[in-house]
Amino acid sequence: MQKLSVALGEYPHGQALLDGDVEVDGYRVEPVQVRPIIAAYRRMIRDLEFDVCELAPVSYLMARQEGVPITAIPVFLNRRFHHGDVQCAEGSGIRVPRDLEGRRVGVRAYSVSTGVWVRGVLSEEYGVAHEKITWVVDDDDHIEGRAPANVERVTDGRSLGELLRADELDAALSGNAGTGRAGPPRPNWTATGVAAPDDESDAEGPYPLFADSATLAADWYLRTGIYPLHSVIAIRSELVEREPGLPTALYAAFVESKRRHLASDPDWSALPRFARQAREIGGDPVPYGIGANEPSLHAILRYSRDQGLLDADFPSDLRELFAEGDYQDA
């Protein structure tokens, strides 16, 4: 059997594949642990270091545009909503989304997927002109050269969280996309100590742009069908050209791995965030396949084009984004 090096984040619905309990027909999976998994993205895009690797969807699209020889299957291991991700500095005076125009907003890197989703929501839902915001970053994009002129780099070593608390940023994104981590992803990435926007113990300091973000996100999903993607599975194109059946076999293995997890943990107790999201969308919190994710895929393409990360003529046919294969929604 051929060896297949696989780098994934820590997801209970992917564990059976990594453990070897679920086989990829004709291959022996050899897991490669990279923590945080974000660190693997650049290694895959720039050096093709792994046979199979989880990638951020925007990074994958940008890599395809640049001719990086990778292709994907429609497996999206991670999803989440973003209405709760914008934190405003205590002294910013920001009350409504359009108050962000003319301000300085922190995000780890311009092309980070959370940033793309947040800018898309702000633009389409609230009429915010993202080009009128100065985006302040403290890390590189995986694909460089696409950041617009309204992007500014932190040069003094301070974290986005420190700048937000000092009112030197008017707002910033939370978590790994902003104030939750400092600088590029590295082993033992440490939190910067900035409270999440919904942390009621933090009576002073940054506050959320949207006080009732969960309700807004659920309403948005029900109106649009968009459920933000945060990972896609990429394969080195050389393997697909040599073994055209690999994408179908790999997809089937991911589907079976998820099925086994659900059989043992139908309530997603191992990942409570997904249990909450299942309630919010009224269904599977991690749907696989092209058809089941059509609104989300069209949205990430649209947002990436609108924000200058993809060219206007980047393919809009969703089938062109993925290797040929049998991908029944699952």
Foldseek 3Di string as FASTA:
>chain_A
DAEFEEEDADDQLCVCDQVVVFDLPPYDYDYDYDPPLQVVQLCCLPPVPGQKHKHFPLSLLLSVQVVRQKAFFQFFRDFDDQLQFKWFWQPLPQAALQSQFQFEEEWAECRQQSNLRVVLCCCPPPNHDVVRHQYEHAEYDSDDDQADPSYHYDDPQDFQLVCSHVVVGRMYTDDPGGQQFGYDDDPPTHGPPRDRQPPVVCVGTIHTNDPPRLVVRLVVCVVQVATAGGITMMGRNVVCVVPVASSQSVLVSSVVSNVVSCVVPVCPPVPVVLNVVCVSNVHHSTKGDCVSRVRNVQSSVVSCCVSRSDPPVRDPPVVVRHRDYDTDID
